[in-house]
N, C-alpha and C. Protein backbone atom coordinates (compact mmCIF):
# COMPACT_ATOMS: atom_id res chain seq x y z
N MET A 1 -22.35 51.73 7.27
CA MET A 1 -21.29 52.11 8.25
C MET A 1 -21.79 50.95 9.48
N VAL A 2 -22.75 50.52 9.54
CA VAL A 2 -22.76 49.33 11.19
C VAL A 2 -22.30 48.12 10.57
N TRP A 3 -23.29 47.80 9.15
CA TRP A 3 -22.09 47.08 8.92
C TRP A 3 -21.06 45.92 8.79
N ASP A 4 -20.26 48.04 8.43
CA ASP A 4 -18.95 47.81 8.39
C ASP A 4 -18.24 48.00 10.22
N VAL A 5 -18.63 48.55 11.14
CA VAL A 5 -18.31 48.37 12.24
C VAL A 5 -18.47 47.09 12.17
N LEU A 6 -19.52 46.68 12.28
CA LEU A 6 -19.92 44.95 12.88
C LEU A 6 -19.19 43.54 12.35
N ARG A 7 -18.49 44.30 11.02
CA ARG A 7 -17.48 43.04 10.16
C ARG A 7 -15.87 43.47 10.79
N ASP A 8 -15.92 44.71 11.26
CA ASP A 8 -14.61 44.67 11.42
C ASP A 8 -13.62 46.28 12.06
N LEU A 9 -14.50 46.22 12.86
CA LEU A 9 -13.72 47.84 13.77
C LEU A 9 -12.91 48.42 12.54
N GLU A 10 -11.82 47.91 12.78
CA GLU A 10 -10.46 48.68 12.24
C GLU A 10 -10.57 49.38 11.24
N SER A 11 -10.96 48.23 10.39
CA SER A 11 -11.35 48.76 9.11
C SER A 11 -12.23 49.14 8.62
N SER A 12 -13.01 49.99 9.36
CA SER A 12 -14.92 50.88 9.31
C SER A 12 -14.07 52.29 9.36
N PRO A 13 -15.65 53.00 8.65
CA PRO A 13 -14.55 54.37 8.42
C PRO A 13 -15.22 55.11 10.08
N LEU A 14 -15.61 54.86 10.85
CA LEU A 14 -15.66 55.16 12.30
C LEU A 14 -14.92 56.06 12.41
N ASP A 15 -14.86 57.21 13.39
CA ASP A 15 -14.35 58.18 13.44
C ASP A 15 -12.60 57.71 14.86
N GLU A 16 -11.63 57.31 15.41
CA GLU A 16 -11.29 57.09 16.18
C GLU A 16 -11.57 57.50 18.02
N LYS A 17 -12.28 58.31 18.02
CA LYS A 17 -13.25 58.08 19.44
C LYS A 17 -13.18 57.48 18.92
N HIS A 18 -14.91 57.01 18.57
CA HIS A 18 -16.13 56.31 18.13
C HIS A 18 -15.45 54.02 18.87
N LYS A 19 -14.10 54.59 17.89
CA LYS A 19 -13.45 53.07 17.58
C LYS A 19 -13.23 53.00 19.60
N ALA A 20 -12.08 53.88 19.99
CA ALA A 20 -12.01 53.57 20.65
C ALA A 20 -12.86 52.95 22.51
N LEU A 21 -14.46 53.24 21.69
CA LEU A 21 -15.38 53.61 22.51
C LEU A 21 -15.87 51.82 22.46
N PHE A 22 -15.88 51.89 21.73
CA PHE A 22 -16.14 49.97 20.36
C PHE A 22 -15.17 49.37 21.48
N ARG A 23 -14.19 49.14 21.32
CA ARG A 23 -13.04 48.69 21.98
C ARG A 23 -13.16 48.38 23.33
N LEU A 24 -13.90 49.53 24.40
CA LEU A 24 -14.40 49.08 25.56
C LEU A 24 -15.60 48.64 25.34
N VAL A 25 -16.25 48.89 24.77
CA VAL A 25 -17.44 47.87 25.07
C VAL A 25 -16.85 46.39 24.84
N ASP A 26 -16.24 46.37 23.86
CA ASP A 26 -15.89 44.48 23.33
C ASP A 26 -15.16 43.91 24.67
N ARG A 27 -14.22 44.52 25.06
CA ARG A 27 -13.78 44.43 26.54
C ARG A 27 -14.21 44.07 27.70
N ILE A 28 -15.66 44.61 27.60
CA ILE A 28 -16.33 44.48 28.91
C ILE A 28 -17.46 43.30 28.72
N ASN A 29 -17.81 42.96 26.75
CA ASN A 29 -18.97 41.89 26.50
C ASN A 29 -17.58 40.59 26.41
N LYS A 30 -16.32 40.42 26.33
CA LYS A 30 -15.55 39.35 26.41
C LYS A 30 -15.06 39.12 27.78
N GLY A 31 -15.17 40.39 29.03
CA GLY A 31 -14.32 39.97 30.16
C GLY A 31 -14.60 41.00 31.55
N SER A 32 -16.29 41.62 31.21
CA SER A 32 -16.24 42.56 32.37
C SER A 32 -15.35 41.80 33.49
N ALA A 33 -15.24 41.93 34.07
CA ALA A 33 -14.87 40.96 35.67
C ALA A 33 -12.94 41.25 35.51
N ARG A 34 -12.71 41.40 34.75
CA ARG A 34 -11.21 41.02 34.62
C ARG A 34 -11.21 42.64 33.93
N LEU A 35 -11.78 43.68 34.18
CA LEU A 35 -11.90 44.64 33.76
C LEU A 35 -10.64 46.11 34.71
N GLN A 36 -9.94 46.77 34.41
CA GLN A 36 -8.97 46.79 35.97
C GLN A 36 -9.30 48.61 35.61
N PRO A 37 -9.17 49.38 36.17
CA PRO A 37 -9.54 50.67 35.63
C PRO A 37 -8.59 51.74 34.79
N GLU A 38 -7.64 50.52 34.76
CA GLU A 38 -6.34 51.91 33.23
C GLU A 38 -7.16 50.71 31.95
N ASP A 39 -8.25 50.18 31.98
CA ASP A 39 -9.06 49.92 30.97
C ASP A 39 -9.61 50.87 30.27
N MET A 40 -10.00 52.12 31.17
CA MET A 40 -10.68 52.42 30.63
C MET A 40 -10.06 53.88 29.92
N GLN A 41 -8.88 54.34 30.65
CA GLN A 41 -7.68 55.31 29.84
C GLN A 41 -7.97 54.98 28.15
N PRO A 42 -7.71 54.79 27.23
CA PRO A 42 -7.70 54.79 26.40
C PRO A 42 -9.47 55.60 26.12
N ALA A 43 -10.28 55.06 26.22
CA ALA A 43 -11.37 55.72 26.31
C ALA A 43 -11.58 57.46 26.58
N ARG A 44 -10.84 57.70 27.93
CA ARG A 44 -10.31 58.85 28.10
C ARG A 44 -9.61 59.83 27.15
N ALA A 45 -8.84 58.76 27.11
CA ALA A 45 -7.63 59.55 26.08
C ALA A 45 -8.40 60.21 25.02
N ALA A 46 -9.09 58.96 24.35
CA ALA A 46 -9.72 59.11 22.81
C ALA A 46 -11.09 60.82 23.35
N GLY A 47 -11.38 61.32 24.15
CA GLY A 47 -12.34 62.17 24.72
C GLY A 47 -13.16 62.04 25.71
N TRP A 48 -13.21 61.12 25.64
CA TRP A 48 -14.74 60.16 26.78
C TRP A 48 -14.62 60.94 27.83
N THR A 49 -15.84 61.27 28.26
CA THR A 49 -15.71 61.28 29.79
C THR A 49 -15.95 60.10 30.89
N ASP A 50 -15.66 60.61 31.78
CA ASP A 50 -16.58 59.13 33.09
C ASP A 50 -17.87 59.14 33.05
N GLU A 51 -18.91 59.99 32.80
CA GLU A 51 -20.14 60.26 32.46
C GLU A 51 -20.32 59.15 31.11
N ALA A 52 -19.84 59.69 30.29
CA ALA A 52 -20.10 59.14 29.09
C ALA A 52 -19.77 57.60 29.18
N ILE A 53 -18.25 57.33 29.47
CA ILE A 53 -18.32 55.78 30.15
C ILE A 53 -18.99 54.86 30.70
N TYR A 54 -19.91 55.48 31.15
CA TYR A 54 -20.60 55.00 32.04
C TYR A 54 -21.74 54.83 31.82
N PHE A 55 -21.99 55.67 31.10
CA PHE A 55 -23.49 54.88 29.94
C PHE A 55 -23.06 54.07 29.62
N ALA A 56 -22.16 54.03 28.22
CA ALA A 56 -21.80 53.32 27.63
C ALA A 56 -21.77 51.28 28.42
N ILE A 57 -21.13 52.11 29.27
CA ILE A 57 -21.11 50.37 30.20
C ILE A 57 -22.43 50.34 30.51
N THR A 58 -23.15 50.93 31.29
CA THR A 58 -24.66 50.90 31.78
C THR A 58 -25.23 49.95 30.10
N VAL A 59 -25.56 50.74 29.06
CA VAL A 59 -26.11 49.96 27.94
C VAL A 59 -25.95 49.13 27.39
N CYS A 60 -24.33 48.27 27.45
CA CYS A 60 -23.53 47.14 26.97
C CYS A 60 -24.81 46.30 28.05
N ALA A 61 -24.37 46.56 29.55
CA ALA A 61 -24.87 45.39 30.40
C ALA A 61 -26.28 45.14 30.49
N LEU A 62 -27.94 46.65 30.24
CA LEU A 62 -28.54 46.13 29.41
C LEU A 62 -29.06 45.61 28.68
N PHE A 63 -28.14 45.73 27.01
CA PHE A 63 -28.19 44.92 26.23
C PHE A 63 -28.13 43.41 26.00
N ASN A 64 -26.80 43.57 27.15
CA ASN A 64 -26.70 41.55 27.22
C ASN A 64 -27.42 40.80 28.41
N PHE A 65 -28.35 41.90 29.71
CA PHE A 65 -29.56 41.20 30.31
C PHE A 65 -30.36 40.96 29.40
N TYR A 66 -31.54 42.10 28.75
CA TYR A 66 -32.48 42.15 27.99
C TYR A 66 -32.43 40.42 26.63
N ASN A 67 -30.77 40.25 26.34
CA ASN A 67 -31.06 39.53 25.66
C ASN A 67 -30.90 37.73 25.69
N ARG A 68 -29.93 37.92 27.00
CA ARG A 68 -30.60 36.92 27.54
C ARG A 68 -32.02 36.82 28.13
N TRP A 69 -32.36 37.54 28.60
CA TRP A 69 -34.23 38.02 29.26
C TRP A 69 -34.80 37.59 27.88
N ILE A 70 -34.46 37.71 27.26
CA ILE A 70 -35.24 36.82 25.53
C ILE A 70 -35.00 35.88 25.48
N ASP A 71 -33.52 35.76 25.36
CA ASP A 71 -33.31 33.70 24.74
C ASP A 71 -34.03 32.86 26.19
N ALA A 72 -34.36 32.68 27.66
CA ALA A 72 -34.14 32.48 28.48
C ALA A 72 -36.04 32.83 28.93
N SER A 73 -36.77 33.18 28.21
CA SER A 73 -37.95 33.46 28.17
C SER A 73 -38.48 33.11 28.01
N GLY A 74 -38.49 32.85 26.22
CA GLY A 74 -39.26 32.58 25.40
C GLY A 74 -39.74 33.33 24.31
N VAL A 75 -39.50 35.05 24.21
CA VAL A 75 -40.14 35.56 23.45
C VAL A 75 -39.48 35.23 22.53
N HIS A 76 -40.75 35.79 21.74
CA HIS A 76 -40.13 35.36 19.95
C HIS A 76 -39.27 36.81 19.80
N ALA A 77 -38.63 36.06 18.88
CA ALA A 77 -38.20 38.13 17.94
C ALA A 77 -38.70 38.52 17.00
N MET A 78 -39.03 39.60 16.39
CA MET A 78 -40.01 40.14 15.83
C MET A 78 -39.49 40.12 14.59
N SER A 79 -39.97 40.70 13.48
CA SER A 79 -39.74 40.38 12.34
C SER A 79 -38.99 41.75 11.70
N ASP A 80 -38.23 41.11 10.50
CA ASP A 80 -37.88 42.19 9.96
C ASP A 80 -38.58 43.99 9.48
N GLU A 81 -39.94 43.94 8.82
CA GLU A 81 -40.28 44.26 9.24
C GLU A 81 -40.95 44.61 10.08
N ALA A 82 -41.29 44.49 11.00
CA ALA A 82 -41.55 45.28 12.44
C ALA A 82 -40.57 45.60 12.72
N HIS A 83 -39.26 45.49 12.89
CA HIS A 83 -38.02 46.50 13.01
C HIS A 83 -37.43 47.67 12.75
N ARG A 84 -38.35 47.15 10.79
CA ARG A 84 -38.62 48.85 10.26
C ARG A 84 -39.48 49.22 10.84
N GLU A 85 -40.85 49.13 11.09
CA GLU A 85 -41.74 50.11 10.95
C GLU A 85 -41.66 50.64 12.56
N GLY A 86 -41.21 49.56 13.23
CA GLY A 86 -40.57 50.24 14.49
C GLY A 86 -38.98 51.09 14.77
N GLY A 87 -38.58 51.30 14.18
CA GLY A 87 -37.27 52.01 13.96
C GLY A 87 -37.83 53.60 12.81
N LYS A 88 -38.68 53.57 11.82
CA LYS A 88 -39.32 54.58 11.54
C LYS A 88 -40.22 55.17 12.60
N ARG A 89 -41.19 54.89 13.53
CA ARG A 89 -41.79 55.43 14.47
C ARG A 89 -40.42 55.85 15.74
N ILE A 90 -39.74 55.40 15.87
CA ILE A 90 -38.79 55.29 16.81
C ILE A 90 -37.30 56.86 16.60
N ALA A 91 -38.19 56.85 14.68
CA ALA A 91 -36.61 58.13 14.17
C ALA A 91 -37.73 59.68 14.20
N THR A 92 -39.25 59.40 14.20
CA THR A 92 -40.36 60.13 14.10
C THR A 92 -40.62 60.79 15.46
N GLN A 93 -40.89 60.10 15.96
CA GLN A 93 -41.77 60.32 17.84
C GLN A 93 -41.16 59.94 18.24
N GLY A 94 -39.80 59.49 18.23
CA GLY A 94 -38.72 58.97 19.65
C GLY A 94 -39.56 58.28 20.35
N TYR A 95 -38.36 58.00 21.70
CA TYR A 95 -38.63 56.29 22.14
C TYR A 95 -40.14 56.33 22.74
N GLY A 96 -40.81 57.53 23.76
CA GLY A 96 -42.07 58.10 23.78
C GLY A 96 -42.96 58.23 23.19
N GLY A 97 -43.10 57.71 22.08
CA GLY A 97 -43.92 58.56 20.61
C GLY A 97 -45.12 56.75 21.46
N SER A 98 -46.38 57.20 20.91
CA SER A 98 -47.08 55.90 20.38
C SER A 98 -47.98 56.06 19.91
């Protein structure tokens, strides 16, 4: 499903509520300085609370920050295998597991 969403959100099997949130995140990524209060309305109309929208904005901002920090600082990308292993660990132990 992730690849379907990344390829084409609108034709993906994602439900309409989540599509509305991803549309907002896309708008944030493409022009956060141009956002207006009414840009939040479609996400609200789909059932998202202001708190959930705030969290989506925060996650979007943090990923943008982190990606730019990684690019500029020269930190090397993890291998596909390291990502798979990390995913398994998070699935069984959560983010705080060691």
